[in-house]
N, C-alpha and C. Protein backbone atom coordinates (compact mmCIF):
# COMPACT_ATOMS: atom_id res chain seq x y z
N MET A 1 -0.44 13.48 -6.94
CA MET A 1 -1.25 12.54 -6.20
C MET A 1 -1.00 11.15 -6.77
N LEU A 2 -0.82 10.17 -5.90
CA LEU A 2 -0.59 8.79 -6.31
C LEU A 2 -1.63 7.89 -5.66
N TYR A 3 -2.16 6.95 -6.43
CA TYR A 3 -3.15 6.00 -5.92
C TYR A 3 -2.55 4.60 -5.96
N LYS A 4 -2.76 3.83 -4.88
CA LYS A 4 -2.34 2.43 -4.84
C LYS A 4 -3.42 1.61 -4.14
N ARG A 5 -3.63 0.43 -4.65
CA ARG A 5 -4.54 -0.53 -4.01
C ARG A 5 -3.69 -1.40 -3.10
N LEU A 6 -4.10 -1.60 -1.86
CA LEU A 6 -3.33 -2.42 -0.94
C LEU A 6 -4.25 -3.38 -0.20
N GLY A 7 -3.64 -4.36 0.43
CA GLY A 7 -4.42 -5.33 1.17
C GLY A 7 -3.59 -6.53 1.57
N TYR A 8 -4.26 -7.48 2.20
CA TYR A 8 -3.60 -8.71 2.62
C TYR A 8 -4.64 -9.80 2.78
N ASP A 9 -4.16 -11.06 2.78
CA ASP A 9 -4.99 -12.23 3.03
C ASP A 9 -4.49 -12.89 4.30
N LEU A 10 -5.42 -13.41 5.09
CA LEU A 10 -5.09 -14.09 6.34
C LEU A 10 -5.84 -15.41 6.38
N THR A 11 -5.12 -16.50 6.55
CA THR A 11 -5.74 -17.81 6.67
C THR A 11 -5.35 -18.38 8.02
N SER A 12 -6.34 -18.90 8.76
CA SER A 12 -6.05 -19.45 10.09
C SER A 12 -6.98 -20.61 10.38
N SER A 13 -6.60 -21.37 11.39
CA SER A 13 -7.43 -22.46 11.91
C SER A 13 -7.85 -22.10 13.31
N SER A 14 -8.94 -22.74 13.78
CA SER A 14 -9.41 -22.46 15.14
C SER A 14 -8.36 -22.92 16.14
N PRO A 15 -8.11 -22.15 17.22
CA PRO A 15 -7.07 -22.50 18.18
C PRO A 15 -7.38 -23.82 18.90
N GLY A 16 -6.40 -24.71 18.92
CA GLY A 16 -6.55 -25.96 19.66
C GLY A 16 -7.34 -27.04 18.93
N ILE A 17 -8.27 -26.66 18.06
CA ILE A 17 -9.10 -27.63 17.36
C ILE A 17 -9.00 -27.33 15.87
N PRO A 18 -8.14 -28.02 15.13
CA PRO A 18 -7.96 -27.69 13.72
C PRO A 18 -9.08 -28.25 12.83
N VAL A 19 -10.31 -27.87 13.12
CA VAL A 19 -11.43 -28.38 12.34
C VAL A 19 -12.09 -27.28 11.49
N ILE A 20 -11.75 -26.03 11.76
CA ILE A 20 -12.35 -24.92 11.03
C ILE A 20 -11.23 -24.10 10.40
N ASN A 21 -11.34 -23.85 9.12
CA ASN A 21 -10.39 -22.99 8.42
C ASN A 21 -11.08 -21.66 8.11
N GLN A 22 -10.42 -20.58 8.41
CA GLN A 22 -10.97 -19.26 8.13
C GLN A 22 -10.03 -18.52 7.20
N HIS A 23 -10.62 -17.80 6.26
CA HIS A 23 -9.84 -16.98 5.34
C HIS A 23 -10.47 -15.60 5.29
N VAL A 24 -9.67 -14.57 5.52
CA VAL A 24 -10.14 -13.19 5.46
C VAL A 24 -9.28 -12.44 4.46
N SER A 25 -9.91 -11.76 3.54
CA SER A 25 -9.22 -10.93 2.55
C SER A 25 -9.60 -9.48 2.82
N THR A 26 -8.60 -8.64 3.04
CA THR A 26 -8.82 -7.23 3.36
C THR A 26 -8.16 -6.36 2.30
N THR A 27 -8.89 -5.36 1.81
CA THR A 27 -8.36 -4.44 0.81
C THR A 27 -8.66 -3.00 1.23
N ALA A 28 -7.91 -2.07 0.67
CA ALA A 28 -8.13 -0.64 0.95
C ALA A 28 -7.49 0.18 -0.17
N ASN A 29 -7.74 1.47 -0.16
CA ASN A 29 -7.17 2.41 -1.12
C ASN A 29 -6.15 3.29 -0.40
N SER A 30 -4.99 3.46 -0.98
CA SER A 30 -3.97 4.34 -0.41
C SER A 30 -3.79 5.53 -1.34
N TRP A 31 -3.92 6.73 -0.77
CA TRP A 31 -3.75 7.98 -1.52
C TRP A 31 -2.53 8.70 -0.97
N GLU A 32 -1.56 8.95 -1.83
CA GLU A 32 -0.33 9.63 -1.41
C GLU A 32 -0.27 11.01 -2.06
N PHE A 33 0.12 12.00 -1.25
CA PHE A 33 0.23 13.38 -1.70
C PHE A 33 1.65 13.88 -1.40
N PRO A 34 2.57 13.76 -2.38
CA PRO A 34 3.93 14.24 -2.14
C PRO A 34 4.04 15.75 -2.36
N LEU A 35 4.74 16.42 -1.48
CA LEU A 35 5.09 17.84 -1.63
C LEU A 35 6.60 17.90 -1.79
N LEU A 36 7.05 18.14 -3.03
CA LEU A 36 8.47 18.03 -3.33
C LEU A 36 9.00 19.31 -3.96
N GLY A 37 10.22 19.64 -3.59
CA GLY A 37 10.96 20.67 -4.29
C GLY A 37 11.80 20.00 -5.36
N VAL A 38 11.89 20.61 -6.54
CA VAL A 38 12.62 20.00 -7.65
C VAL A 38 13.79 20.90 -8.03
N PHE A 39 14.96 20.29 -8.19
CA PHE A 39 16.17 21.01 -8.57
C PHE A 39 16.68 20.42 -9.89
N HIS A 40 16.91 21.28 -10.88
CA HIS A 40 17.49 20.88 -12.17
C HIS A 40 18.96 21.30 -12.15
N PRO A 41 19.90 20.39 -11.86
CA PRO A 41 21.29 20.78 -11.73
C PRO A 41 21.90 21.37 -12.99
N ARG A 42 21.62 20.80 -14.16
CA ARG A 42 22.22 21.29 -15.40
C ARG A 42 21.46 20.66 -16.56
N SER A 43 21.20 21.44 -17.58
CA SER A 43 20.49 20.92 -18.75
C SER A 43 21.48 20.58 -19.85
N PHE A 44 21.22 19.48 -20.50
CA PHE A 44 21.98 19.08 -21.68
C PHE A 44 21.08 19.26 -22.89
N ARG A 45 21.53 18.89 -24.04
CA ARG A 45 20.80 19.14 -25.28
C ARG A 45 19.32 18.76 -25.18
N HIS A 46 19.01 17.50 -24.95
CA HIS A 46 17.62 17.07 -24.88
C HIS A 46 17.28 16.39 -23.55
N LEU A 47 18.22 16.41 -22.63
CA LEU A 47 17.99 15.79 -21.33
C LEU A 47 18.23 16.79 -20.22
N SER A 48 17.35 16.78 -19.25
CA SER A 48 17.50 17.66 -18.11
C SER A 48 17.38 16.82 -16.84
N PRO A 49 18.51 16.50 -16.18
CA PRO A 49 18.43 15.74 -14.94
C PRO A 49 17.68 16.53 -13.87
N ARG A 50 17.04 15.83 -12.98
CA ARG A 50 16.32 16.50 -11.89
C ARG A 50 16.42 15.68 -10.62
N VAL A 51 16.47 16.38 -9.52
CA VAL A 51 16.51 15.78 -8.20
C VAL A 51 15.38 16.41 -7.40
N SER A 52 14.64 15.59 -6.68
CA SER A 52 13.53 16.12 -5.88
C SER A 52 13.64 15.62 -4.44
N ALA A 53 13.10 16.40 -3.52
CA ALA A 53 13.10 16.03 -2.10
C ALA A 53 11.94 16.74 -1.42
N GLY A 54 11.41 16.10 -0.39
CA GLY A 54 10.30 16.70 0.36
C GLY A 54 9.64 15.70 1.27
N VAL A 55 8.35 15.86 1.43
CA VAL A 55 7.58 15.02 2.34
C VAL A 55 6.36 14.48 1.60
N SER A 56 5.93 13.27 1.95
CA SER A 56 4.72 12.67 1.38
C SER A 56 3.73 12.39 2.50
N PHE A 57 2.47 12.65 2.21
CA PHE A 57 1.39 12.36 3.15
C PHE A 57 0.53 11.24 2.55
N ARG A 58 0.04 10.35 3.41
CA ARG A 58 -0.75 9.21 2.92
C ARG A 58 -2.03 9.08 3.73
N GLY A 59 -3.10 8.79 3.03
CA GLY A 59 -4.38 8.50 3.66
C GLY A 59 -4.92 7.18 3.14
N VAL A 60 -5.54 6.40 4.01
CA VAL A 60 -6.12 5.11 3.64
C VAL A 60 -7.63 5.22 3.73
N THR A 61 -8.31 4.85 2.63
CA THR A 61 -9.78 4.92 2.59
C THR A 61 -10.33 3.60 2.05
N GLY A 62 -11.62 3.42 2.22
CA GLY A 62 -12.33 2.29 1.61
C GLY A 62 -11.90 0.92 2.07
N ALA A 63 -11.47 0.79 3.33
CA ALA A 63 -11.05 -0.52 3.82
C ALA A 63 -12.26 -1.45 3.90
N ALA A 64 -12.10 -2.67 3.43
CA ALA A 64 -13.18 -3.66 3.45
C ALA A 64 -12.59 -5.05 3.64
N SER A 65 -13.28 -5.88 4.39
CA SER A 65 -12.85 -7.25 4.62
C SER A 65 -13.96 -8.21 4.24
N VAL A 66 -13.58 -9.32 3.61
CA VAL A 66 -14.51 -10.39 3.29
C VAL A 66 -13.92 -11.67 3.85
N GLY A 67 -14.74 -12.43 4.59
CA GLY A 67 -14.23 -13.64 5.21
C GLY A 67 -15.04 -14.87 4.87
N GLU A 68 -14.38 -16.01 4.94
CA GLU A 68 -14.99 -17.31 4.71
C GLU A 68 -14.66 -18.22 5.87
N CYS A 69 -15.60 -19.03 6.27
CA CYS A 69 -15.38 -20.03 7.30
C CYS A 69 -15.75 -21.37 6.68
N VAL A 70 -14.79 -22.29 6.62
CA VAL A 70 -15.00 -23.57 5.95
C VAL A 70 -14.60 -24.69 6.88
N PRO A 71 -15.47 -25.70 7.10
CA PRO A 71 -15.07 -26.84 7.94
C PRO A 71 -13.99 -27.65 7.23
N ALA A 72 -13.02 -28.15 8.01
CA ALA A 72 -11.93 -28.94 7.45
C ALA A 72 -12.41 -30.31 6.98
N ALA A 73 -13.51 -30.79 7.53
CA ALA A 73 -14.07 -32.08 7.13
C ALA A 73 -15.59 -31.99 7.23
N PRO A 74 -16.34 -32.80 6.43
CA PRO A 74 -17.80 -32.73 6.44
C PRO A 74 -18.42 -32.98 7.82
N GLU A 75 -17.80 -33.80 8.64
CA GLU A 75 -18.39 -34.09 9.97
C GLU A 75 -18.39 -32.88 10.90
N TYR A 76 -17.65 -31.83 10.53
CA TYR A 76 -17.62 -30.62 11.37
C TYR A 76 -18.48 -29.50 10.78
N SER A 77 -19.34 -29.83 9.83
CA SER A 77 -20.13 -28.81 9.16
C SER A 77 -21.08 -28.08 10.10
N ASN A 78 -21.45 -28.68 11.23
CA ASN A 78 -22.32 -27.98 12.18
C ASN A 78 -21.58 -26.85 12.92
N LEU A 79 -20.24 -26.86 12.90
CA LEU A 79 -19.47 -25.81 13.59
C LEU A 79 -19.30 -24.56 12.74
N CYS A 80 -19.36 -24.75 11.44
CA CYS A 80 -19.13 -23.62 10.56
C CYS A 80 -19.87 -23.86 9.26
N ARG A 81 -20.76 -22.97 8.92
CA ARG A 81 -21.53 -23.10 7.69
C ARG A 81 -20.69 -22.59 6.52
N PRO A 82 -20.42 -23.42 5.51
CA PRO A 82 -19.66 -22.94 4.35
C PRO A 82 -20.40 -21.79 3.66
N SER A 83 -19.64 -20.85 3.18
CA SER A 83 -20.26 -19.70 2.51
C SER A 83 -19.34 -19.19 1.43
N ALA A 84 -19.88 -18.43 0.54
CA ALA A 84 -19.09 -17.84 -0.54
C ALA A 84 -18.32 -16.62 -0.07
N GLY A 85 -18.48 -16.23 1.15
CA GLY A 85 -17.79 -15.05 1.69
C GLY A 85 -18.80 -14.03 2.17
N ARG A 86 -18.52 -13.44 3.30
CA ARG A 86 -19.44 -12.43 3.82
C ARG A 86 -18.61 -11.24 4.30
N SER A 87 -19.20 -10.06 4.20
CA SER A 87 -18.50 -8.84 4.61
C SER A 87 -18.31 -8.83 6.11
N GLN A 88 -17.19 -8.32 6.51
CA GLN A 88 -16.86 -8.17 7.93
C GLN A 88 -16.47 -6.73 8.16
N PRO A 89 -16.45 -6.29 9.43
CA PRO A 89 -16.00 -4.92 9.69
C PRO A 89 -14.56 -4.76 9.20
N PRO A 90 -14.22 -3.61 8.60
CA PRO A 90 -12.86 -3.43 8.11
C PRO A 90 -11.85 -3.49 9.24
N ASP A 91 -10.68 -3.98 8.92
CA ASP A 91 -9.60 -4.11 9.88
C ASP A 91 -9.02 -2.74 10.20
N GLY A 92 -8.98 -2.38 11.46
CA GLY A 92 -8.46 -1.08 11.87
C GLY A 92 -6.97 -0.92 11.69
N HIS A 93 -6.24 -2.03 11.43
CA HIS A 93 -4.80 -1.92 11.27
C HIS A 93 -4.41 -1.19 9.99
N LEU A 94 -5.27 -1.21 8.99
CA LEU A 94 -4.93 -0.47 7.77
C LEU A 94 -4.99 1.03 8.00
N SER A 95 -5.92 1.49 8.83
CA SER A 95 -6.00 2.93 9.09
C SER A 95 -4.89 3.39 10.03
N ALA A 96 -4.17 2.46 10.66
CA ALA A 96 -3.05 2.80 11.55
C ALA A 96 -1.74 2.90 10.79
N ARG A 97 -1.78 2.71 9.46
CA ARG A 97 -0.56 2.81 8.66
C ARG A 97 0.04 4.20 8.81
N SER A 98 1.35 4.28 8.62
CA SER A 98 2.02 5.57 8.75
C SER A 98 1.41 6.58 7.78
N SER A 99 1.32 7.81 8.23
CA SER A 99 0.62 8.82 7.44
C SER A 99 1.55 9.84 6.78
N PHE A 100 2.85 9.83 7.09
CA PHE A 100 3.77 10.75 6.42
C PHE A 100 5.18 10.18 6.43
N GLY A 101 6.01 10.71 5.51
CA GLY A 101 7.39 10.25 5.43
C GLY A 101 8.21 11.17 4.56
N GLY A 102 9.52 11.04 4.65
CA GLY A 102 10.43 11.83 3.83
C GLY A 102 10.62 11.17 2.47
N THR A 103 10.74 11.98 1.42
CA THR A 103 10.83 11.47 0.05
C THR A 103 11.98 12.14 -0.70
N VAL A 104 12.74 11.34 -1.45
CA VAL A 104 13.75 11.85 -2.37
C VAL A 104 13.58 11.14 -3.71
N GLY A 105 13.94 11.82 -4.78
CA GLY A 105 13.79 11.22 -6.10
C GLY A 105 14.84 11.75 -7.07
N ALA A 106 15.04 11.00 -8.15
CA ALA A 106 15.96 11.42 -9.20
C ALA A 106 15.42 10.92 -10.53
N GLY A 107 15.52 11.77 -11.55
CA GLY A 107 15.02 11.39 -12.86
C GLY A 107 15.59 12.27 -13.94
N ILE A 108 15.08 12.07 -15.14
CA ILE A 108 15.52 12.84 -16.31
C ILE A 108 14.28 13.35 -17.04
N GLU A 109 14.29 14.63 -17.36
CA GLU A 109 13.19 15.23 -18.11
C GLU A 109 13.64 15.41 -19.56
N THR A 110 12.79 14.98 -20.49
CA THR A 110 13.14 15.09 -21.90
C THR A 110 11.93 15.52 -22.72
N PRO A 111 12.13 16.41 -23.70
CA PRO A 111 11.00 16.79 -24.55
C PRO A 111 10.68 15.68 -25.55
N LEU A 112 9.41 15.52 -25.84
CA LEU A 112 8.94 14.53 -26.80
C LEU A 112 7.83 15.19 -27.60
N GLY A 113 8.21 15.96 -28.62
CA GLY A 113 7.24 16.75 -29.36
C GLY A 113 6.68 17.83 -28.45
N PRO A 114 5.34 17.97 -28.37
CA PRO A 114 4.75 18.98 -27.49
C PRO A 114 4.70 18.51 -26.02
N LEU A 115 5.12 17.27 -25.77
CA LEU A 115 5.06 16.70 -24.41
C LEU A 115 6.43 16.74 -23.75
N ARG A 116 6.43 16.60 -22.43
CA ARG A 116 7.65 16.41 -21.67
C ARG A 116 7.49 15.09 -20.92
N LEU A 117 8.45 14.18 -21.11
CA LEU A 117 8.44 12.86 -20.49
C LEU A 117 9.47 12.86 -19.37
N THR A 118 9.04 12.43 -18.18
CA THR A 118 9.93 12.44 -17.02
C THR A 118 9.88 11.12 -16.27
N PRO A 119 10.78 10.17 -16.59
CA PRO A 119 10.89 8.97 -15.76
C PRO A 119 11.67 9.32 -14.49
N GLU A 120 11.27 8.70 -13.37
CA GLU A 120 11.88 9.06 -12.08
C GLU A 120 11.82 7.88 -11.13
N PHE A 121 12.90 7.68 -10.36
CA PHE A 121 12.89 6.77 -9.23
C PHE A 121 12.64 7.61 -7.99
N ARG A 122 11.76 7.14 -7.12
CA ARG A 122 11.43 7.89 -5.91
C ARG A 122 11.47 6.96 -4.71
N TYR A 123 12.18 7.38 -3.67
CA TYR A 123 12.28 6.61 -2.42
C TYR A 123 11.57 7.37 -1.31
N THR A 124 10.71 6.67 -0.56
CA THR A 124 10.02 7.26 0.58
C THR A 124 10.30 6.42 1.82
N ARG A 125 10.68 7.07 2.88
CA ARG A 125 10.88 6.42 4.18
C ARG A 125 9.72 6.86 5.06
N TRP A 126 8.73 5.94 5.25
CA TRP A 126 7.56 6.23 6.08
C TRP A 126 7.91 6.07 7.54
N ARG A 127 7.27 6.84 8.40
CA ARG A 127 7.48 6.64 9.83
C ARG A 127 6.80 5.33 10.22
N ALA A 128 7.11 4.81 11.39
CA ALA A 128 6.55 3.53 11.84
C ALA A 128 5.04 3.66 12.02
N ASP A 129 4.33 2.55 11.81
CA ASP A 129 2.87 2.53 11.98
C ASP A 129 2.49 2.85 13.41
N ALA A 130 1.35 3.52 13.57
CA ALA A 130 0.82 3.79 14.90
C ALA A 130 0.30 2.49 15.49
N GLY A 131 0.65 2.19 16.73
CA GLY A 131 0.14 0.99 17.41
C GLY A 131 0.68 -0.30 16.84
N ALA A 132 1.83 -0.28 16.18
CA ALA A 132 2.38 -1.48 15.54
C ALA A 132 2.72 -2.56 16.56
N GLU A 133 3.11 -2.15 17.79
CA GLU A 133 3.50 -3.16 18.77
C GLU A 133 2.31 -4.00 19.26
N GLU A 134 1.08 -3.48 19.16
CA GLU A 134 -0.09 -4.26 19.57
C GLU A 134 -0.72 -5.02 18.41
N SER A 135 -0.14 -4.94 17.24
CA SER A 135 -0.73 -5.53 16.05
C SER A 135 -0.69 -7.05 16.10
N PRO A 136 -1.84 -7.72 15.89
CA PRO A 136 -1.81 -9.18 15.87
C PRO A 136 -1.15 -9.70 14.61
N PHE A 137 -0.65 -10.91 14.66
CA PHE A 137 -0.06 -11.59 13.52
C PHE A 137 1.12 -10.82 12.94
N ASP A 138 1.73 -9.93 13.72
CA ASP A 138 2.88 -9.15 13.27
C ASP A 138 2.57 -8.38 11.99
N LEU A 139 1.39 -7.77 11.93
CA LEU A 139 0.93 -7.04 10.75
C LEU A 139 1.43 -5.61 10.79
N ARG A 140 2.43 -5.30 9.97
CA ARG A 140 2.98 -3.96 9.89
C ARG A 140 3.29 -3.63 8.42
N SER A 141 3.19 -2.38 8.08
CA SER A 141 3.59 -1.99 6.73
C SER A 141 5.10 -1.74 6.73
N LYS A 142 5.69 -1.87 5.57
CA LYS A 142 7.13 -1.65 5.45
C LYS A 142 7.40 -0.15 5.43
N CYS A 143 8.48 0.26 6.08
CA CYS A 143 8.82 1.68 6.15
C CYS A 143 9.49 2.18 4.89
N ASN A 144 10.14 1.30 4.12
CA ASN A 144 10.85 1.70 2.91
C ASN A 144 9.99 1.44 1.69
N GLN A 145 9.92 2.43 0.80
CA GLN A 145 9.13 2.31 -0.42
C GLN A 145 9.92 2.89 -1.58
N LEU A 146 10.08 2.09 -2.64
CA LEU A 146 10.76 2.55 -3.84
C LEU A 146 9.78 2.46 -4.99
N ASP A 147 9.60 3.56 -5.72
CA ASP A 147 8.66 3.61 -6.84
C ASP A 147 9.40 4.05 -8.10
N PHE A 148 8.94 3.55 -9.24
CA PHE A 148 9.38 4.06 -10.53
C PHE A 148 8.17 4.73 -11.15
N LEU A 149 8.29 6.01 -11.46
CA LEU A 149 7.17 6.79 -11.98
C LEU A 149 7.54 7.39 -13.34
N ILE A 150 6.55 7.54 -14.17
CA ILE A 150 6.72 8.26 -15.44
C ILE A 150 5.64 9.32 -15.51
N SER A 151 6.05 10.58 -15.60
CA SER A 151 5.06 11.65 -15.73
C SER A 151 5.11 12.20 -17.15
N ILE A 152 3.95 12.56 -17.64
CA ILE A 152 3.82 13.15 -18.98
C ILE A 152 3.14 14.49 -18.80
N THR A 153 3.82 15.55 -19.20
CA THR A 153 3.23 16.90 -19.10
C THR A 153 3.19 17.52 -20.48
N PHE A 154 2.26 18.45 -20.65
CA PHE A 154 2.14 19.15 -21.94
C PHE A 154 1.74 20.58 -21.70
């Protein structure tokens, strides 16, 4: 299981009248569950190369947005009350992120006393986001993901 914090910031001005600046910060939790088969091609004295392949599933939880509305000049303060930020409904585009993808990895397993240390590079190709073509501001997640992981087992 892998956990990642994700999110984005969006800053915009009111259409046609650049007197109000808005800033929205959106965050969420990404939980990835890879199901991988592992192949050890050949063991050497203290190093055991490994190759893995399979599928990863991803779920997004805890999406939250906080927004600020700030007048661009004091004379426009009646259009937008300055604030330290207020909660907004979470953006549905984060829950539309791709939910599964193919994964391959390569690494080396080595003993370290009673532990086994396994550094690994892992590549995941996620399928395209659901509803990406209707997404405002061209908001899409990237389909390619490269991770460097270190696992410690005992």
